[in-house]
Structures are given as structure tokens and as C-alpha cells.
Amino acid sequence: ERELVARIGSGGGSSTNYYAVSVKGR
């Protein structure tokens, strides 16, 4: 199935970003 890898908020700030556990830090 399709999975979410990373997402960024409208402001572009790092505090609003999301990363899947499998890719976080990379």
C-alpha cells in the first residue's frame, strides 16, 4: 500500500514537518 514518507506544512518550518519512523534522520 501507499505510505506517507514526509510532509511539510504551509509555512515551511521544521516544527510542522512529519517523517515516517523508517526515514526519520535520513
PDB file of all heavy atoms in Angstrom:
ATOM      1  N   GLU A   1       0.824  -1.196   0.000  1.00  0.00           N
ATOM      2  CA  GLU A   1       0.000   0.000   0.000  1.00  0.00           C
ATOM      3  C   GLU A   1       0.865   1.256   0.000  1.00  0.00           C
ATOM      4  O   GLU A   1       2.007   1.253   0.451  1.00  0.00           O
ATOM      5  CB  GLU A   1      -0.932   0.013   1.214  1.00  0.00           C
ATOM      6  CG  GLU A   1      -1.955  -1.104   1.234  1.00  0.00           C
ATOM      7  CD  GLU A   1      -2.898  -1.002   2.404  1.00  0.00           C
ATOM      8  OE1 GLU A   1      -2.647  -0.189   3.315  1.00  0.00           O
ATOM      9  OE2 GLU A   1      -3.906  -1.729   2.409  1.00  0.00           O
ATOM     10  N   ARG A   2       0.301   2.329  -0.502  1.00  0.00           N
ATOM     11  CA  ARG A   2       0.988   3.608  -0.498  1.00  0.00           C
ATOM     12  C   ARG A   2       1.127   4.127   0.929  1.00  0.00           C
ATOM     13  O   ARG A   2       0.186   4.039   1.721  1.00  0.00           O
ATOM     14  CB  ARG A   2       0.210   4.614  -1.350  1.00  0.00           C
ATOM     15  CG  ARG A   2       0.873   5.978  -1.485  1.00  0.00           C
ATOM     16  CD  ARG A   2       0.065   6.874  -2.398  1.00  0.00           C
ATOM     17  NE  ARG A   2      -1.279   7.094  -1.886  1.00  0.00           N
ATOM     18  CZ  ARG A   2      -2.227   7.762  -2.533  1.00  0.00           C
ATOM     19  NH1 ARG A   2      -1.976   8.277  -3.736  1.00  0.00           N
ATOM     20  NH2 ARG A   2      -3.427   7.909  -1.990  1.00  0.00           N
ATOM     21  N   GLU A   3       2.286   4.669   1.258  1.00  0.00           N
ATOM     22  CA  GLU A   3       2.534   5.176   2.595  1.00  0.00           C
ATOM     23  C   GLU A   3       3.095   6.587   2.557  1.00  0.00           C
ATOM     24  O   GLU A   3       3.812   6.965   1.628  1.00  0.00           O
ATOM     25  CB  GLU A   3       3.503   4.252   3.353  1.00  0.00           C
ATOM     26  CG  GLU A   3       4.904   4.200   2.757  1.00  0.00           C
ATOM     27  CD  GLU A   3       5.887   3.433   3.622  1.00  0.00           C
ATOM     28  OE1 GLU A   3       5.616   3.242   4.824  1.00  0.00           O
ATOM     29  OE2 GLU A   3       6.939   3.019   3.088  1.00  0.00           O
ATOM     30  N   LEU A   4       2.769   7.347   3.577  1.00  0.00           N
ATOM     31  CA  LEU A   4       3.291   8.702   3.711  1.00  0.00           C
ATOM     32  C   LEU A   4       4.729   8.636   4.195  1.00  0.00           C
ATOM     33  O   LEU A   4       5.021   8.025   5.221  1.00  0.00           O
ATOM     34  CB  LEU A   4       2.438   9.508   4.689  1.00  0.00           C
ATOM     35  CG  LEU A   4       2.941  10.909   5.046  1.00  0.00           C
ATOM     36  CD1 LEU A   4       2.989  11.798   3.810  1.00  0.00           C
ATOM     37  CD2 LEU A   4       2.045  11.522   6.124  1.00  0.00           C
ATOM     38  N   VAL A   5       5.630   9.292   3.472  1.00  0.00           N
ATOM     39  CA  VAL A   5       7.039   9.310   3.815  1.00  0.00           C
ATOM     40  C   VAL A   5       7.403  10.578   4.561  1.00  0.00           C
ATOM     41  O   VAL A   5       8.044  10.542   5.620  1.00  0.00           O
ATOM     42  CB  VAL A   5       7.926   9.174   2.558  1.00  0.00           C
ATOM     43  CG1 VAL A   5       9.399   9.268   2.928  1.00  0.00           C
ATOM     44  CG2 VAL A   5       7.626   7.866   1.850  1.00  0.00           C
ATOM     45  N   ALA A   6       7.022  11.726   4.014  1.00  0.00           N
ATOM     46  CA  ALA A   6       7.331  13.013   4.616  1.00  0.00           C
ATOM     47  C   ALA A   6       6.324  14.053   4.172  1.00  0.00           C
ATOM     48  O   ALA A   6       5.829  14.013   3.047  1.00  0.00           O
ATOM     49  CB  ALA A   6       8.744  13.451   4.236  1.00  0.00           C
ATOM     50  N   ARG A   7       6.040  15.005   5.056  1.00  0.00           N
ATOM     51  CA  ARG A   7       5.091  16.070   4.744  1.00  0.00           C
ATOM     52  C   ARG A   7       5.548  17.356   5.415  1.00  0.00           C
ATOM     53  O   ARG A   7       6.056  17.341   6.539  1.00  0.00           O
ATOM     54  CB  ARG A   7       3.685  15.683   5.206  1.00  0.00           C
ATOM     55  CG  ARG A   7       2.602  16.690   4.852  1.00  0.00           C
ATOM     56  CD  ARG A   7       1.235  16.062   4.973  1.00  0.00           C
ATOM     57  NE  ARG A   7       1.001  15.532   6.306  1.00  0.00           N
ATOM     58  CZ  ARG A   7       0.052  14.648   6.612  1.00  0.00           C
ATOM     59  NH1 ARG A   7      -0.745  14.180   5.652  1.00  0.00           N
ATOM     60  NH2 ARG A   7      -0.095  14.217   7.850  1.00  0.00           N
ATOM     61  N   ILE A   8       5.341  18.475   4.734  1.00  0.00           N
ATOM     62  CA  ILE A   8       5.763  19.769   5.243  1.00  0.00           C
ATOM     63  C   ILE A   8       4.583  20.724   5.262  1.00  0.00           C
ATOM     64  O   ILE A   8       3.760  20.745   4.349  1.00  0.00           O
ATOM     65  CB  ILE A   8       6.931  20.324   4.400  1.00  0.00           C
ATOM     66  CG1 ILE A   8       7.497  21.602   5.026  1.00  0.00           C
ATOM     67  CG2 ILE A   8       6.504  20.561   2.953  1.00  0.00           C
ATOM     68  CD1 ILE A   8       8.813  22.041   4.402  1.00  0.00           C
ATOM     69  N   GLY A   9       4.489  21.535   6.315  1.00  0.00           N
ATOM     70  CA  GLY A   9       3.390  22.465   6.478  1.00  0.00           C
ATOM     71  C   GLY A   9       3.493  23.665   5.565  1.00  0.00           C
ATOM     72  O   GLY A   9       4.488  23.873   4.869  1.00  0.00           O
ATOM     73  N   SER A  10       2.450  24.472   5.574  1.00  0.00           N
ATOM     74  CA  SER A  10       2.373  25.625   4.674  1.00  0.00           C
ATOM     75  C   SER A  10       3.468  26.653   4.916  1.00  0.00           C
ATOM     76  O   SER A  10       3.903  27.320   3.979  1.00  0.00           O
ATOM     77  CB  SER A  10       0.999  26.289   4.796  1.00  0.00           C
ATOM     78  OG  SER A  10       0.772  26.744   6.116  1.00  0.00           O
ATOM     79  N   GLY A  11       3.899  26.795   6.157  1.00  0.00           N
ATOM     80  CA  GLY A  11       4.918  27.776   6.485  1.00  0.00           C
ATOM     81  C   GLY A  11       6.331  27.343   6.178  1.00  0.00           C
ATOM     82  O   GLY A  11       7.240  28.170   6.126  1.00  0.00           O
ATOM     83  N   GLY A  12       6.540  26.058   5.996  1.00  0.00           N
ATOM     84  CA  GLY A  12       7.866  25.545   5.688  1.00  0.00           C
ATOM     85  C   GLY A  12       8.772  25.354   6.892  1.00  0.00           C
ATOM     86  O   GLY A  12       9.933  24.961   6.729  1.00  0.00           O
ATOM     87  N   GLY A  13       8.281  25.621   8.083  1.00  0.00           N
ATOM     88  CA  GLY A  13       9.076  25.473   9.279  1.00  0.00           C
ATOM     89  C   GLY A  13       9.273  24.014   9.660  1.00  0.00           C
ATOM     90  O   GLY A  13       8.396  23.180   9.432  1.00  0.00           O
ATOM     91  N   SER A  14      10.411  23.708  10.250  1.00  0.00           N
ATOM     92  CA  SER A  14      10.723  22.329  10.602  1.00  0.00           C
ATOM     93  C   SER A  14       9.785  21.766  11.667  1.00  0.00           C
ATOM     94  O   SER A  14       9.586  20.551  11.737  1.00  0.00           O
ATOM     95  CB  SER A  14      12.171  22.217  11.078  1.00  0.00           C
ATOM     96  OG  SER A  14      12.395  23.009  12.228  1.00  0.00           O
ATOM     97  N   SER A  15       9.203  22.620  12.489  1.00  0.00           N
ATOM     98  CA  SER A  15       8.316  22.163  13.559  1.00  0.00           C
ATOM     99  C   SER A  15       7.024  21.565  13.035  1.00  0.00           C
ATOM    100  O   SER A  15       6.352  20.818  13.758  1.00  0.00           O
ATOM    101  CB  SER A  15       8.002  23.304  14.521  1.00  0.00           C
ATOM    102  OG  SER A  15       7.309  24.349  13.870  1.00  0.00           O
ATOM    103  N   THR A  16       6.665  21.853  11.797  1.00  0.00           N
ATOM    104  CA  THR A  16       5.430  21.348  11.210  1.00  0.00           C
ATOM    105  C   THR A  16       5.654  20.144  10.308  1.00  0.00           C
ATOM    106  O   THR A  16       4.703  19.629   9.725  1.00  0.00           O
ATOM    107  CB  THR A  16       4.722  22.441  10.405  1.00  0.00           C
ATOM    108  OG1 THR A  16       5.550  22.858   9.319  1.00  0.00           O
ATOM    109  CG2 THR A  16       4.423  23.643  11.289  1.00  0.00           C
ATOM    110  N   ASN A  17       6.886  19.683  10.194  1.00  0.00           N
ATOM    111  CA  ASN A  17       7.195  18.563   9.309  1.00  0.00           C
ATOM    112  C   ASN A  17       6.822  17.224   9.939  1.00  0.00           C
ATOM    113  O   ASN A  17       6.802  17.072  11.165  1.00  0.00           O
ATOM    114  CB  ASN A  17       8.680  18.553   8.959  1.00  0.00           C
ATOM    115  CG  ASN A  17       9.095  19.755   8.135  1.00  0.00           C
ATOM    116  OD1 ASN A  17       8.262  20.555   7.709  1.00  0.00           O
ATOM    117  ND2 ASN A  17      10.396  19.892   7.915  1.00  0.00           N
ATOM    118  N   TYR A  18       6.533  16.264   9.073  1.00  0.00           N
ATOM    119  CA  TYR A  18       6.278  14.908   9.512  1.00  0.00           C
ATOM    120  C   TYR A  18       7.181  13.959   8.737  1.00  0.00           C
ATOM    121  O   TYR A  18       7.367  14.115   7.530  1.00  0.00           O
ATOM    122  CB  TYR A  18       4.818  14.501   9.278  1.00  0.00           C
ATOM    123  CG  TYR A  18       4.591  13.015   9.430  1.00  0.00           C
ATOM    124  CD1 TYR A  18       4.350  12.456  10.680  1.00  0.00           C
ATOM    125  CD2 TYR A  18       4.651  12.169   8.323  1.00  0.00           C
ATOM    126  CE1 TYR A  18       4.168  11.094  10.828  1.00  0.00           C
ATOM    127  CE2 TYR A  18       4.475  10.801   8.464  1.00  0.00           C
ATOM    128  CZ  TYR A  18       4.235  10.269   9.720  1.00  0.00           C
ATOM    129  OH  TYR A  18       4.059   8.909   9.855  1.00  0.00           O
ATOM    130  N   TYR A  19       7.728  12.958   9.436  1.00  0.00           N
ATOM    131  CA  TYR A  19       8.533  11.929   8.800  1.00  0.00           C
ATOM    132  C   TYR A  19       8.114  10.563   9.310  1.00  0.00           C
ATOM    133  O   TYR A  19       7.852  10.389  10.499  1.00  0.00           O
ATOM    134  CB  TYR A  19      10.022  12.121   9.091  1.00  0.00           C
ATOM    135  CG  TYR A  19      10.615  13.374   8.506  1.00  0.00           C
ATOM    136  CD1 TYR A  19      10.761  14.523   9.276  1.00  0.00           C
ATOM    137  CD2 TYR A  19      11.042  13.411   7.180  1.00  0.00           C
ATOM    138  CE1 TYR A  19      11.307  15.673   8.745  1.00  0.00           C
ATOM    139  CE2 TYR A  19      11.594  14.556   6.639  1.00  0.00           C
ATOM    140  CZ  TYR A  19      11.726  15.685   7.422  1.00  0.00           C
ATOM    141  OH  TYR A  19      12.272  16.827   6.885  1.00  0.00           O
ATOM    142  N   ALA A  20       8.057   9.615   8.412  1.00  0.00           N
ATOM    143  CA  ALA A  20       7.819   8.243   8.818  1.00  0.00           C
ATOM    144  C   ALA A  20       8.990   7.770   9.664  1.00  0.00           C
ATOM    145  O   ALA A  20      10.131   8.187   9.455  1.00  0.00           O
ATOM    146  CB  ALA A  20       7.653   7.345   7.593  1.00  0.00           C
ATOM    147  N   VAL A  21       8.714   6.904  10.626  1.00  0.00           N
ATOM    148  CA  VAL A  21       9.755   6.418  11.516  1.00  0.00           C
ATOM    149  C   VAL A  21      10.905   5.784  10.735  1.00  0.00           C
ATOM    150  O   VAL A  21      12.079   5.942  11.096  1.00  0.00           O
ATOM    151  CB  VAL A  21       9.181   5.407  12.524  1.00  0.00           C
ATOM    152  CG1 VAL A  21      10.298   4.782  13.357  1.00  0.00           C
ATOM    153  CG2 VAL A  21       8.160   6.082  13.420  1.00  0.00           C
ATOM    154  N   SER A  22      10.592   5.101   9.662  1.00  0.00           N
ATOM    155  CA  SER A  22      11.593   4.394   8.886  1.00  0.00           C
ATOM    156  C   SER A  22      12.582   5.309   8.165  1.00  0.00           C
ATOM    157  O   SER A  22      13.664   4.859   7.774  1.00  0.00           O
ATOM    158  CB  SER A  22      10.922   3.479   7.855  1.00  0.00           C
ATOM    159  OG  SER A  22      10.123   4.227   6.958  1.00  0.00           O
ATOM    160  N   VAL A  23      12.233   6.590   7.995  1.00  0.00           N
ATOM    161  CA  VAL A  23      13.111   7.512   7.273  1.00  0.00           C
ATOM    162  C   VAL A  23      13.600   8.665   8.135  1.00  0.00           C
ATOM    163  O   VAL A  23      14.458   9.440   7.689  1.00  0.00           O
ATOM    164  CB  VAL A  23      12.423   8.078   6.014  1.00  0.00           C
ATOM    165  CG1 VAL A  23      11.888   6.961   5.139  1.00  0.00           C
ATOM    166  CG2 VAL A  23      11.304   9.043   6.395  1.00  0.00           C
ATOM    167  N   LYS A  24      13.083   8.800   9.338  1.00  0.00           N
ATOM    168  CA  LYS A  24      13.469   9.902  10.211  1.00  0.00           C
ATOM    169  C   LYS A  24      14.970   9.879  10.474  1.00  0.00           C
ATOM    170  O   LYS A  24      15.546   8.847  10.813  1.00  0.00           O
ATOM    171  CB  LYS A  24      12.694   9.833  11.520  1.00  0.00           C
ATOM    172  CG  LYS A  24      12.904  11.031  12.439  1.00  0.00           C
ATOM    173  CD  LYS A  24      11.994  10.959  13.655  1.00  0.00           C
ATOM    174  CE  LYS A  24      10.533  11.040  13.259  1.00  0.00           C
ATOM    175  NZ  LYS A  24       9.641  11.058  14.456  1.00  0.00           N
ATOM    176  N   GLY A  25      15.598  11.043  10.315  1.00  0.00           N
ATOM    177  CA  GLY A  25      17.032  11.151  10.498  1.00  0.00           C
ATOM    178  C   GLY A  25      17.820  10.957   9.223  1.00  0.00           C
ATOM    179  O   GLY A  25      19.017  11.283   9.184  1.00  0.00           O
ATOM    180  N   ARG A  26      17.182  10.424   8.189  1.00  0.00           N
ATOM    181  CA  ARG A  26      17.848  10.193   6.910  1.00  0.00           C
ATOM    182  C   ARG A  26      17.290  11.075   5.801  1.00  0.00           C
ATOM    183  O   ARG A  26      18.030  11.489   4.911  1.00  0.00           O
ATOM    184  CB  ARG A  26      17.715   8.731   6.492  1.00  0.00           C
ATOM    185  CG  ARG A  26      18.341   7.750   7.473  1.00  0.00           C
ATOM    186  CD  ARG A  26      18.342   6.336   6.906  1.00  0.00           C
ATOM    187  NE  ARG A  26      16.982   5.830   6.691  1.00  0.00           N
ATOM    188  CZ  ARG A  26      16.499   5.464   5.500  1.00  0.00           C
ATOM    189  NH1 ARG A  26      17.260   5.547   4.419  1.00  0.00           N
ATOM    190  NH2 ARG A  26      15.261   4.999   5.402  1.00  0.00           N
TER     191      ARG A  26
END
